C-alpha atoms as a PDB file:
ATOM      1  CA  MET A   1     -15.021 120.309 -79.210  1.00  0.00           C
ATOM      2  CA  LYS A   2     -16.015 116.188 -78.050  1.00  0.00           C
ATOM      3  CA  ASN A   3     -18.847 116.660 -75.599  1.00  0.00           C
ATOM      4  CA  ILE A   4     -18.742 113.491 -72.911  1.00  0.00           C
ATOM      5  CA  PHE A   5     -21.281 112.606 -70.699  1.00  0.00           C
ATOM      6  CA  VAL A   6     -20.212 111.453 -67.164  1.00  0.00           C
ATOM      7  CA  VAL A   7     -22.548 109.688 -64.956  1.00  0.00           C
ATOM      8  CA  ASP A   8     -21.939 108.700 -61.167  1.00  0.00           C
ATOM      9  CA  ASP A   9     -23.400 109.009 -58.006  1.00  0.00           C
ATOM     10  CA  SER A  10     -19.525 110.096 -56.258  1.00  0.00           C
ATOM     11  CA  PRO A  11     -19.766 114.467 -56.169  1.00  0.00           C
ATOM     12  CA  THR A  12     -16.207 113.587 -55.448  1.00  0.00           C
ATOM     13  CA  ALA A  13     -15.679 111.587 -58.681  1.00  0.00           C
ATOM     14  CA  ARG A  14     -17.519 113.850 -61.116  1.00  0.00           C
ATOM     15  CA  ALA A  15     -16.064 116.797 -59.586  1.00  0.00           C
ATOM     16  CA  SER A  16     -12.646 114.506 -60.462  1.00  0.00           C
ATOM     17  CA  ILE A  17     -13.151 113.733 -63.929  1.00  0.00           C
ATOM     18  CA  LYS A  18     -14.701 116.974 -64.673  1.00  0.00           C
ATOM     19  CA  TYR A  19     -11.432 118.344 -63.966  1.00  0.00           C
ATOM     20  CA  THR A  20      -9.431 116.159 -65.726  1.00  0.00           C
ATOM     21  CA  LEU A  21     -11.200 116.670 -69.112  1.00  0.00           C
ATOM     22  CA  GLU A  22     -11.711 119.591 -69.351  1.00  0.00           C
ATOM     23  CA  GLN A  23      -8.022 120.604 -68.589  1.00  0.00           C
ATOM     24  CA  GLU A  24      -7.906 118.315 -72.270  1.00  0.00           C
ATOM     25  CA  GLY A  25     -10.433 120.378 -73.454  1.00  0.00           C
ATOM     26  CA  TYR A  26     -13.657 118.293 -73.611  1.00  0.00           C
ATOM     27  CA  SER A  27     -16.739 119.676 -72.769  1.00  0.00           C
ATOM     28  CA  ILE A  28     -18.504 117.205 -69.861  1.00  0.00           C
ATOM     29  CA  GLU A  29     -22.233 117.386 -69.468  1.00  0.00           C
ATOM     30  CA  LEU A  30     -23.029 115.468 -65.758  1.00  0.00           C
ATOM     31  CA  ALA A  31     -25.651 113.250 -64.323  1.00  0.00           C
ATOM     32  CA  VAL A  32     -25.742 111.800 -60.879  1.00  0.00           C
ATOM     33  CA  ASP A  33     -27.220 108.690 -61.271  1.00  0.00           C
ATOM     34  CA  GLY A  34     -29.352 106.364 -64.213  1.00  0.00           C
ATOM     35  CA  VAL A  35     -32.591 108.307 -63.527  1.00  0.00           C
ATOM     36  CA  ASP A  36     -30.752 111.233 -63.591  1.00  0.00           C
ATOM     37  CA  ALA A  37     -28.926 110.548 -67.247  1.00  0.00           C
ATOM     38  CA  LEU A  38     -31.673 109.233 -68.951  1.00  0.00           C
ATOM     39  CA  ASP A  39     -33.968 112.178 -68.390  1.00  0.00           C
ATOM     40  CA  LYS A  40     -30.934 114.538 -69.584  1.00  0.00           C
ATOM     41  CA  ILE A  41     -29.851 111.986 -72.127  1.00  0.00           C
ATOM     42  CA  LYS A  42     -32.884 112.164 -74.064  1.00  0.00           C
ATOM     43  CA  THR A  43     -33.303 116.005 -73.729  1.00  0.00           C
ATOM     44  CA  HIS A  44     -29.617 116.351 -75.045  1.00  0.00           C
ATOM     45  CA  SER A  45     -29.808 118.794 -78.101  1.00  0.00           C
ATOM     46  CA  ASN A  46     -25.653 118.089 -78.808  1.00  0.00           C
ATOM     47  CA  LYS A  47     -24.217 115.508 -80.046  1.00  0.00           C
ATOM     48  CA  ILE A  48     -22.339 112.841 -77.272  1.00  0.00           C
ATOM     49  CA  ASP A  49     -18.972 111.798 -78.397  1.00  0.00           C
ATOM     50  CA  VAL A  50     -18.314 108.718 -75.154  1.00  0.00           C
ATOM     51  CA  PHE A  51     -20.424 108.170 -72.468  1.00  0.00           C
ATOM     52  CA  LEU A  52     -18.964 107.252 -69.026  1.00  0.00           C
ATOM     53  CA  PHE A  53     -20.566 105.825 -66.617  1.00  0.00           C
ATOM     54  CA  ASP A  54     -20.343 104.133 -62.873  1.00  0.00           C
ATOM     55  CA  VAL A  55     -21.489 100.423 -62.518  1.00  0.00           C
ATOM     56  CA  ASN A  56     -23.205 100.929 -58.671  1.00  0.00           C
ATOM     57  CA  MET A  57     -25.491 104.104 -58.541  1.00  0.00           C
ATOM     58  CA  PRO A  58     -28.955 104.251 -56.541  1.00  0.00           C
ATOM     59  CA  ASN A  59     -32.167 104.408 -58.902  1.00  0.00           C
ATOM     60  CA  MET A  60     -31.079 103.034 -61.723  1.00  0.00           C
ATOM     61  CA  ASP A  61     -27.758 101.370 -61.777  1.00  0.00           C
ATOM     62  CA  GLY A  62     -24.678 101.826 -64.865  1.00  0.00           C
ATOM     63  CA  ILE A  63     -25.635  98.136 -66.477  1.00  0.00           C
ATOM     64  CA  THR A  64     -28.954  98.884 -66.589  1.00  0.00           C
ATOM     65  CA  LEU A  65     -28.489 102.588 -67.865  1.00  0.00           C
ATOM     66  CA  ILE A  66     -26.340 100.946 -70.274  1.00  0.00           C
ATOM     67  CA  LYS A  67     -29.202  98.283 -72.102  1.00  0.00           C
ATOM     68  CA  ASN A  68     -31.463 101.883 -72.038  1.00  0.00           C
ATOM     69  CA  VAL A  69     -29.365 104.304 -73.722  1.00  0.00           C
ATOM     70  CA  ARG A  70     -28.581 101.397 -76.584  1.00  0.00           C
ATOM     71  CA  GLU A  71     -32.410 101.695 -77.227  1.00  0.00           C
ATOM     72  CA  ILE A  72     -31.884 105.212 -78.603  1.00  0.00           C
ATOM     73  CA  SER A  73     -30.991 105.389 -82.172  1.00  0.00           C
ATOM     74  CA  LYS A  74     -28.889 108.033 -82.091  1.00  0.00           C
ATOM     75  CA  TYR A  75     -26.640 106.843 -79.402  1.00  0.00           C
ATOM     76  CA  GLN A  76     -26.863 102.985 -80.582  1.00  0.00           C
ATOM     77  CA  PHE A  77     -22.736 102.777 -81.222  1.00  0.00           C
ATOM     78  CA  THR A  78     -21.783 105.848 -79.211  1.00  0.00           C
ATOM     79  CA  PRO A  79     -18.915 104.328 -76.793  1.00  0.00           C
ATOM     80  CA  ILE A  80     -19.917 103.642 -73.427  1.00  0.00           C
ATOM     81  CA  ILE A  81     -16.752 103.717 -70.785  1.00  0.00           C
ATOM     82  CA  PHE A  82     -17.447 101.971 -66.834  1.00  0.00           C
ATOM     83  CA  LEU A  83     -15.893 103.985 -64.725  1.00  0.00           C
ATOM     84  CA  THR A  84     -16.055 102.051 -61.376  1.00  0.00           C
ATOM     85  CA  THR A  85     -14.260 100.227 -58.634  1.00  0.00           C
ATOM     86  CA  GLU A  86     -15.878  96.993 -59.906  1.00  0.00           C
ATOM     87  CA  SER A  87     -12.727  95.015 -61.242  1.00  0.00           C
ATOM     88  CA  GLN A  88     -14.346  91.292 -61.099  1.00  0.00           C
ATOM     89  CA  SER A  89     -14.813  89.376 -64.355  1.00  0.00           C
ATOM     90  CA  SER A  90     -18.148  88.627 -64.451  1.00  0.00           C
ATOM     91  CA  LYS A  91     -19.248  92.203 -64.032  1.00  0.00           C
ATOM     92  CA  LYS A  92     -17.354  92.885 -66.846  1.00  0.00           C
ATOM     93  CA  LEU A  93     -18.666  90.459 -69.071  1.00  0.00           C
ATOM     94  CA  GLU A  94     -22.330  91.993 -68.136  1.00  0.00           C
ATOM     95  CA  GLY A  95     -21.530  95.142 -68.697  1.00  0.00           C
ATOM     96  CA  LYS A  96     -19.753  94.378 -71.896  1.00  0.00           C
ATOM     97  CA  ASN A  97     -23.031  91.931 -72.847  1.00  0.00           C
ATOM     98  CA  ALA A  98     -24.844  95.223 -72.189  1.00  0.00           C
ATOM     99  CA  GLY A  99     -22.926  97.361 -74.499  1.00  0.00           C
ATOM    100  CA  ALA A 100     -20.032  98.278 -72.847  1.00  0.00           C
ATOM    101  CA  SER A 101     -17.538  99.680 -74.498  1.00  0.00           C
ATOM    102  CA  GLY A 102     -14.752 100.208 -72.716  1.00  0.00           C
ATOM    103  CA  TRP A 103     -13.401  99.827 -68.621  1.00  0.00           C
ATOM    104  CA  ILE A 104     -11.425 101.707 -66.268  1.00  0.00           C
ATOM    105  CA  VAL A 105     -10.863 100.904 -62.310  1.00  0.00           C
ATOM    106  CA  LYS A 106     -11.524 102.653 -59.778  1.00  0.00           C
ATOM    107  CA  PRO A 107      -9.489 104.484 -58.567  1.00  0.00           C
ATOM    108  CA  PHE A 108      -7.806 106.126 -61.558  1.00  0.00           C
ATOM    109  CA  ARG A 109      -4.924 108.250 -62.885  1.00  0.00           C
ATOM    110  CA  PRO A 110      -6.039 110.861 -64.379  1.00  0.00           C
ATOM    111  CA  GLU A 111      -2.978 109.798 -67.245  1.00  0.00           C
ATOM    112  CA  GLN A 112      -5.246 106.601 -67.650  1.00  0.00           C
ATOM    113  CA  LEU A 113      -8.614 108.866 -68.047  1.00  0.00           C
ATOM    114  CA  ILE A 114      -7.720 110.830 -70.810  1.00  0.00           C
ATOM    115  CA  GLU A 115      -6.067 108.152 -72.617  1.00  0.00           C
ATOM    116  CA  VAL A 116      -8.653 105.445 -73.022  1.00  0.00           C
ATOM    117  CA  ILE A 117     -10.848 108.648 -73.927  1.00  0.00           C
ATOM    118  CA  LYS A 118      -9.040 109.769 -76.530  1.00  0.00           C
ATOM    119  CA  ARG A 119      -8.883 106.364 -78.074  1.00  0.00           C
ATOM    120  CA  PHE A 120     -12.434 106.189 -78.714  1.00  0.00           C
ATOM    121  CA  VAL A 121     -12.707 109.723 -79.625  1.00  0.00           C
ATOM    122  CA  GLY A 122      -9.600 111.635 -79.829  1.00  0.00           C
ATOM    123  CA  VAL A 123      -8.946 115.373 -79.204  1.00  0.00           C
END
């Protein structure tokens, strides 16, 4: 089973993403912001196959979180997808430069999310 780590400060977004991906057979780990995520990622024992990060979050934003995750050797090349309301090309470029692998703009369609995840990790 593939493990997906989701970080979003919106309880509604977390629940929607978790439901959508669990229906496809993925195992989901959740965090409420970048600080919470980094703590959990550093102590996570299972392999994480893909990360889904919101950009705008309290305590630590998604771009800072990416930079921190990329410094953890076992996650240097793990796909990180931004799931955010941000759609400006400058933010996308900033995310890409930090190490983002992909970008999904909210609100997303469940099929769109599943398609992107499958592109990175398969079923």
